[in-house]
Amino acid sequence: IVCSEVCTSETREQLLGALSDFVRTKSDRIGSGYKPLFGTMRAVRTCLDEDSTAHWTVLDLISTYLGINKW
């Protein structure tokens, strides 16, 4: 769905923003959901325009996820 023609780059960036907010605010609820989380990020990243600022959102999301001290 994310890489379909009906999904605009703005929608992809909004999706990444929502995922990023989720990771920041509800990191204790991710559990084994990291696989779909990173799968979605990978799908969005492959569909992004080269000049999109969403690449930085992806990096921020990964950084936030790796910073979780739940292990």
PDB file of N, CA and C in Angstrom:
ATOM      1  N   ILE A   1       0.834  -1.186   0.000  1.00  0.00           N
ATOM      2  CA  ILE A   1       0.000   0.000   0.000  1.00  0.00           C
ATOM      3  C   ILE A   1       0.877   1.248   0.000  1.00  0.00           C
ATOM      4  N   VAL A   2       1.937   1.206   0.808  1.00  0.00           N
ATOM      5  CA  VAL A   2       2.808   2.379   0.946  1.00  0.00           C
ATOM      6  C   VAL A   2       3.494   2.712  -0.369  1.00  0.00           C
ATOM      7  N   CYS A   3       3.827   1.723  -1.152  1.00  0.00           N
ATOM      8  CA  CYS A   3       4.543   1.975  -2.402  1.00  0.00           C
ATOM      9  C   CYS A   3       3.625   2.040  -3.620  1.00  0.00           C
ATOM     10  N   SER A   4       2.314   1.994  -3.404  1.00  0.00           N
ATOM     11  CA  SER A   4       1.407   2.077  -4.543  1.00  0.00           C
ATOM     12  C   SER A   4       1.342   3.505  -5.066  1.00  0.00           C
ATOM     13  N   GLU A   5       0.809   3.650  -6.255  1.00  0.00           N
ATOM     14  CA  GLU A   5       0.724   4.964  -6.876  1.00  0.00           C
ATOM     15  C   GLU A   5      -0.252   5.887  -6.164  1.00  0.00           C
ATOM     16  N   VAL A   6      -1.220   5.317  -5.439  1.00  0.00           N
ATOM     17  CA  VAL A   6      -2.205   6.155  -4.755  1.00  0.00           C
ATOM     18  C   VAL A   6      -1.664   6.738  -3.459  1.00  0.00           C
ATOM     19  N   CYS A   7      -0.536   6.250  -2.987  1.00  0.00           N
ATOM     20  CA  CYS A   7       0.081   6.745  -1.754  1.00  0.00           C
ATOM     21  C   CYS A   7       1.094   7.834  -2.129  1.00  0.00           C
ATOM     22  N   THR A   8       0.787   9.058  -1.766  1.00  0.00           N
ATOM     23  CA  THR A   8       1.658  10.170  -2.118  1.00  0.00           C
ATOM     24  C   THR A   8       2.871  10.222  -1.191  1.00  0.00           C
ATOM     25  N   SER A   9       3.865  10.971  -1.595  1.00  0.00           N
ATOM     26  CA  SER A   9       5.063  11.110  -0.756  1.00  0.00           C
ATOM     27  C   SER A   9       4.710  11.795   0.559  1.00  0.00           C
ATOM     28  N   GLU A  10       3.739  12.690   0.527  1.00  0.00           N
ATOM     29  CA  GLU A  10       3.297  13.350   1.760  1.00  0.00           C
ATOM     30  C   GLU A  10       2.689  12.335   2.732  1.00  0.00           C
ATOM     31  N   THR A  11       1.915  11.405   2.201  1.00  0.00           N
ATOM     32  CA  THR A  11       1.318  10.352   3.041  1.00  0.00           C
ATOM     33  C   THR A  11       2.400   9.465   3.634  1.00  0.00           C
ATOM     34  N   ARG A  12       3.412   9.136   2.829  1.00  0.00           N
ATOM     35  CA  ARG A  12       4.519   8.313   3.341  1.00  0.00           C
ATOM     36  C   ARG A  12       5.243   9.032   4.477  1.00  0.00           C
ATOM     37  N   GLU A  13       5.472  10.334   4.304  1.00  0.00           N
ATOM     38  CA  GLU A  13       6.153  11.100   5.338  1.00  0.00           C
ATOM     39  C   GLU A  13       5.292  11.187   6.603  1.00  0.00           C
ATOM     40  N   GLN A  14       3.992  11.303   6.432  1.00  0.00           N
ATOM     41  CA  GLN A  14       3.097  11.322   7.589  1.00  0.00           C
ATOM     42  C   GLN A  14       3.106   9.974   8.306  1.00  0.00           C
ATOM     43  N   LEU A  15       3.149   8.898   7.542  1.00  0.00           N
ATOM     44  CA  LEU A  15       3.226   7.567   8.132  1.00  0.00           C
ATOM     45  C   LEU A  15       4.501   7.413   8.941  1.00  0.00           C
ATOM     46  N   LEU A  16       5.617   7.854   8.390  1.00  0.00           N
ATOM     47  CA  LEU A  16       6.883   7.792   9.119  1.00  0.00           C
ATOM     48  C   LEU A  16       6.840   8.635  10.381  1.00  0.00           C
ATOM     49  N   GLY A  17       6.224   9.800  10.290  1.00  0.00           N
ATOM     50  CA  GLY A  17       6.090  10.656  11.464  1.00  0.00           C
ATOM     51  C   GLY A  17       5.275   9.984  12.556  1.00  0.00           C
ATOM     52  N   ALA A  18       4.194   9.318  12.162  1.00  0.00           N
ATOM     53  CA  ALA A  18       3.358   8.610  13.138  1.00  0.00           C
ATOM     54  C   ALA A  18       4.125   7.452  13.776  1.00  0.00           C
ATOM     55  N   LEU A  19       4.881   6.715  12.966  1.00  0.00           N
ATOM     56  CA  LEU A  19       5.689   5.625  13.514  1.00  0.00           C
ATOM     57  C   LEU A  19       6.748   6.157  14.470  1.00  0.00           C
ATOM     58  N   SER A  20       7.357   7.261  14.098  1.00  0.00           N
ATOM     59  CA  SER A  20       8.374   7.866  14.945  1.00  0.00           C
ATOM     60  C   SER A  20       7.785   8.306  16.283  1.00  0.00           C
ATOM     61  N   ASP A  21       6.620   8.937  16.237  1.00  0.00           N
ATOM     62  CA  ASP A  21       5.946   9.339  17.478  1.00  0.00           C
ATOM     63  C   ASP A  21       5.603   8.127  18.335  1.00  0.00           C
ATOM     64  N   PHE A  22       5.171   7.047  17.691  1.00  0.00           N
ATOM     65  CA  PHE A  22       4.842   5.831  18.420  1.00  0.00           C
ATOM     66  C   PHE A  22       6.065   5.273  19.140  1.00  0.00           C
ATOM     67  N   VAL A  23       7.181   5.223  18.438  1.00  0.00           N
ATOM     68  CA  VAL A  23       8.401   4.688  19.043  1.00  0.00           C
ATOM     69  C   VAL A  23       8.834   5.553  20.220  1.00  0.00           C
ATOM     70  N   ARG A  24       8.711   6.869  20.081  1.00  0.00           N
ATOM     71  CA  ARG A  24       9.109   7.767  21.168  1.00  0.00           C
ATOM     72  C   ARG A  24       8.200   7.644  22.388  1.00  0.00           C
ATOM     73  N   THR A  25       6.903   7.523  22.168  1.00  0.00           N
ATOM     74  CA  THR A  25       5.957   7.591  23.285  1.00  0.00           C
ATOM     75  C   THR A  25       5.503   6.242  23.819  1.00  0.00           C
ATOM     76  N   LYS A  26       5.565   5.212  23.018  1.00  0.00           N
ATOM     77  CA  LYS A  26       5.052   3.903  23.430  1.00  0.00           C
ATOM     78  C   LYS A  26       6.079   2.797  23.221  1.00  0.00           C
ATOM     79  N   SER A  27       7.340   3.104  23.460  1.00  0.00           N
ATOM     80  CA  SER A  27       8.390   2.121  23.197  1.00  0.00           C
ATOM     81  C   SER A  27       8.215   0.850  24.018  1.00  0.00           C
ATOM     82  N   ASP A  28       7.582   0.962  25.179  1.00  0.00           N
ATOM     83  CA  ASP A  28       7.372  -0.213  26.013  1.00  0.00           C
ATOM     84  C   ASP A  28       6.334  -1.165  25.427  1.00  0.00           C
ATOM     85  N   ARG A  29       5.627  -0.744  24.405  1.00  0.00           N
ATOM     86  CA  ARG A  29       4.587  -1.583  23.805  1.00  0.00           C
ATOM     87  C   ARG A  29       5.009  -2.200  22.473  1.00  0.00           C
ATOM     88  N   ILE A  30       6.217  -1.950  22.042  1.00  0.00           N
ATOM     89  CA  ILE A  30       6.654  -2.479  20.748  1.00  0.00           C
ATOM     90  C   ILE A  30       6.829  -3.991  20.812  1.00  0.00           C
ATOM     91  N   GLY A  31       7.485  -4.472  21.844  1.00  0.00           N
ATOM     92  CA  GLY A  31       7.679  -5.919  21.994  1.00  0.00           C
ATOM     93  C   GLY A  31       8.273  -6.536  20.747  1.00  0.00           C
ATOM     94  N   SER A  32       7.609  -7.562  20.231  1.00  0.00           N
ATOM     95  CA  SER A  32       8.107  -8.235  19.030  1.00  0.00           C
ATOM     96  C   SER A  32       7.649  -7.526  17.760  1.00  0.00           C
ATOM     97  N   GLY A  33       7.029  -6.369  17.901  1.00  0.00           N
ATOM     98  CA  GLY A  33       6.558  -5.607  16.748  1.00  0.00           C
ATOM     99  C   GLY A  33       7.657  -4.896  15.988  1.00  0.00           C
ATOM    100  N   TYR A  34       8.903  -5.128  16.396  1.00  0.00           N
ATOM    101  CA  TYR A  34       9.998  -4.463  15.693  1.00  0.00           C
ATOM    102  C   TYR A  34      10.105  -4.929  14.247  1.00  0.00           C
ATOM    103  N   LYS A  35       9.744  -6.178  13.948  1.00  0.00           N
ATOM    104  CA  LYS A  35       9.842  -6.675  12.574  1.00  0.00           C
ATOM    105  C   LYS A  35       8.911  -5.914  11.632  1.00  0.00           C
ATOM    106  N   PRO A  36       7.614  -5.768  11.957  1.00  0.00           N
ATOM    107  CA  PRO A  36       6.765  -4.970  11.060  1.00  0.00           C
ATOM    108  C   PRO A  36       7.175  -3.500  11.018  1.00  0.00           C
ATOM    109  N   LEU A  37       7.677  -2.987  12.140  1.00  0.00           N
ATOM    110  CA  LEU A  37       8.120  -1.596  12.196  1.00  0.00           C
ATOM    111  C   LEU A  37       9.232  -1.352  11.196  1.00  0.00           C
ATOM    112  N   PHE A  38      10.265  -2.181  11.236  1.00  0.00           N
ATOM    113  CA  PHE A  38      11.384  -2.002  10.322  1.00  0.00           C
ATOM    114  C   PHE A  38      11.016  -2.399   8.895  1.00  0.00           C
ATOM    115  N   GLY A  39      10.104  -3.341   8.739  1.00  0.00           N
ATOM    116  CA  GLY A  39       9.623  -3.691   7.399  1.00  0.00           C
ATOM    117  C   GLY A  39       8.911  -2.529   6.742  1.00  0.00           C
ATOM    118  N   THR A  40       8.099  -1.818   7.515  1.00  0.00           N
ATOM    119  CA  THR A  40       7.398  -0.647   7.002  1.00  0.00           C
ATOM    120  C   THR A  40       8.387   0.451   6.643  1.00  0.00           C
ATOM    121  N   MET A  41       9.364   0.660   7.520  1.00  0.00           N
ATOM    122  CA  MET A  41      10.371   1.696   7.234  1.00  0.00           C
ATOM    123  C   MET A  41      11.136   1.365   5.960  1.00  0.00           C
ATOM    124  N   ARG A  42      11.465   0.087   5.775  1.00  0.00           N
ATOM    125  CA  ARG A  42      12.194  -0.306   4.571  1.00  0.00           C
ATOM    126  C   ARG A  42      11.350  -0.069   3.322  1.00  0.00           C
ATOM    127  N   ALA A  43      10.072  -0.427   3.399  1.00  0.00           N
ATOM    128  CA  ALA A  43       9.187  -0.223   2.251  1.00  0.00           C
ATOM    129  C   ALA A  43       9.050   1.261   1.926  1.00  0.00           C
ATOM    130  N   VAL A  44       8.866   2.076   2.958  1.00  0.00           N
ATOM    131  CA  VAL A  44       8.721   3.516   2.736  1.00  0.00           C
ATOM    132  C   VAL A  44      10.009   4.100   2.178  1.00  0.00           C
ATOM    133  N   ARG A  45      11.134   3.674   2.726  1.00  0.00           N
ATOM    134  CA  ARG A  45      12.429   4.213   2.285  1.00  0.00           C
ATOM    135  C   ARG A  45      12.675   3.928   0.808  1.00  0.00           C
ATOM    136  N   THR A  46      12.302   2.745   0.345  1.00  0.00           N
ATOM    137  CA  THR A  46      12.541   2.406  -1.054  1.00  0.00           C
ATOM    138  C   THR A  46      11.648   3.193  -2.004  1.00  0.00           C
ATOM    139  N   CYS A  47      10.543   3.719  -1.491  1.00  0.00           N
ATOM    140  CA  CYS A  47       9.609   4.459  -2.335  1.00  0.00           C
ATOM    141  C   CYS A  47       9.791   5.965  -2.259  1.00  0.00           C
ATOM    142  N   LEU A  48      10.678   6.436  -1.413  1.00  0.00           N
ATOM    143  CA  LEU A  48      10.829   7.878  -1.212  1.00  0.00           C
ATOM    144  C   LEU A  48      11.555   8.535  -2.370  1.00  0.00           C
ATOM    145  N   ASP A  49      11.219   9.781  -2.592  1.00  0.00           N
ATOM    146  CA  ASP A  49      11.946  10.584  -3.571  1.00  0.00           C
ATOM    147  C   ASP A  49      13.326  10.899  -3.006  1.00  0.00           C
ATOM    148  N   GLU A  50      14.277  11.115  -3.894  1.00  0.00           N
ATOM    149  CA  GLU A  50      15.646  11.396  -3.455  1.00  0.00           C
ATOM    150  C   GLU A  50      15.751  12.664  -2.610  1.00  0.00           C
ATOM    151  N   ASP A  51      14.918  13.648  -2.900  1.00  0.00           N
ATOM    152  CA  ASP A  51      14.997  14.914  -2.183  1.00  0.00           C
ATOM    153  C   ASP A  51      14.071  14.966  -0.965  1.00  0.00           C
ATOM    154  N   SER A  52      13.498  13.861  -0.596  1.00  0.00           N
ATOM    155  CA  SER A  52      12.569  13.822   0.531  1.00  0.00           C
ATOM    156  C   SER A  52      13.305  13.978   1.863  1.00  0.00           C
ATOM    157  N   THR A  53      12.695  14.705   2.769  1.00  0.00           N
ATOM    158  CA  THR A  53      13.266  14.867   4.107  1.00  0.00           C
ATOM    159  C   THR A  53      12.943  13.667   4.997  1.00  0.00           C
ATOM    160  N   ALA A  54      12.144  12.756   4.494  1.00  0.00           N
ATOM    161  CA  ALA A  54      11.754  11.587   5.288  1.00  0.00           C
ATOM    162  C   ALA A  54      12.931  10.671   5.591  1.00  0.00           C
ATOM    163  N   HIS A  55      13.994  10.768   4.821  1.00  0.00           N
ATOM    164  CA  HIS A  55      15.184   9.957   5.116  1.00  0.00           C
ATOM    165  C   HIS A  55      15.692  10.272   6.519  1.00  0.00           C
ATOM    166  N   TRP A  56      15.634  11.537   6.906  1.00  0.00           N
ATOM    167  CA  TRP A  56      16.079  11.928   8.242  1.00  0.00           C
ATOM    168  C   TRP A  56      15.124  11.390   9.302  1.00  0.00           C
ATOM    169  N   THR A  57      13.851  11.314   8.976  1.00  0.00           N
ATOM    170  CA  THR A  57      12.877  10.752   9.912  1.00  0.00           C
ATOM    171  C   THR A  57      13.158   9.276  10.137  1.00  0.00           C
ATOM    172  N   VAL A  58      13.514   8.563   9.069  1.00  0.00           N
ATOM    173  CA  VAL A  58      13.867   7.144   9.198  1.00  0.00           C
ATOM    174  C   VAL A  58      15.075   6.990  10.111  1.00  0.00           C
ATOM    175  N   LEU A  59      16.097   7.800   9.911  1.00  0.00           N
ATOM    176  CA  LEU A  59      17.289   7.723  10.756  1.00  0.00           C
ATOM    177  C   LEU A  59      16.964   8.056  12.202  1.00  0.00           C
ATOM    178  N   ASP A  60      16.116   9.047  12.419  1.00  0.00           N
ATOM    179  CA  ASP A  60      15.701   9.422  13.765  1.00  0.00           C
ATOM    180  C   ASP A  60      14.925   8.291  14.424  1.00  0.00           C
ATOM    181  N   LEU A  61      14.052   7.650  13.663  1.00  0.00           N
ATOM    182  CA  LEU A  61      13.266   6.544  14.190  1.00  0.00           C
ATOM    183  C   LEU A  61      14.174   5.385  14.611  1.00  0.00           C
ATOM    184  N   ILE A  62      15.133   5.053  13.783  1.00  0.00           N
ATOM    185  CA  ILE A  62      16.074   3.974  14.106  1.00  0.00           C
ATOM    186  C   ILE A  62      16.889   4.335  15.345  1.00  0.00           C
ATOM    187  N   SER A  63      17.359   5.568  15.400  1.00  0.00           N
ATOM    188  CA  SER A  63      18.132   6.030  16.549  1.00  0.00           C
ATOM    189  C   SER A  63      17.314   5.952  17.837  1.00  0.00           C
ATOM    190  N   THR A  64      16.066   6.377  17.764  1.00  0.00           N
ATOM    191  CA  THR A  64      15.191   6.327  18.940  1.00  0.00           C
ATOM    192  C   THR A  64      14.970   4.883  19.363  1.00  0.00           C
ATOM    193  N   TYR A  65      14.711   4.002  18.404  1.00  0.00           N
ATOM    194  CA  TYR A  65      14.467   2.603  18.733  1.00  0.00           C
ATOM    195  C   TYR A  65      15.701   1.968  19.378  1.00  0.00           C
ATOM    196  N   LEU A  66      16.854   2.258  18.832  1.00  0.00           N
ATOM    197  CA  LEU A  66      18.080   1.679  19.387  1.00  0.00           C
ATOM    198  C   LEU A  66      18.423   2.243  20.763  1.00  0.00           C
ATOM    199  N   GLY A  67      17.892   3.414  21.077  1.00  0.00           N
ATOM    200  CA  GLY A  67      18.138   4.032  22.371  1.00  0.00           C
ATOM    201  C   GLY A  67      17.244   3.531  23.495  1.00  0.00           C
ATOM    202  N   ILE A  68      16.323   2.633  23.178  1.00  0.00           N
ATOM    203  CA  ILE A  68      15.417   2.103  24.203  1.00  0.00           C
ATOM    204  C   ILE A  68      16.212   1.206  25.145  1.00  0.00           C
ATOM    205  N   ASN A  69      16.131   1.485  26.441  1.00  0.00           N
ATOM    206  CA  ASN A  69      16.868   0.704  27.434  1.00  0.00           C
ATOM    207  C   ASN A  69      15.965  -0.330  28.089  1.00  0.00           C
ATOM    208  N   LYS A  70      15.342  -1.131  27.300  1.00  0.00           N
ATOM    209  CA  LYS A  70      14.408  -2.116  27.813  1.00  0.00           C
ATOM    210  C   LYS A  70      15.005  -3.526  27.848  1.00  0.00           C
ATOM    211  N   TRP A  71      16.171  -3.674  27.389  1.00  0.00           N
ATOM    212  CA  TRP A  71      16.761  -5.009  27.241  1.00  0.00           C
ATOM    213  C   TRP A  71      17.241  -5.447  28.556  1.00  0.00           C
TER     214      TRP A  71
END
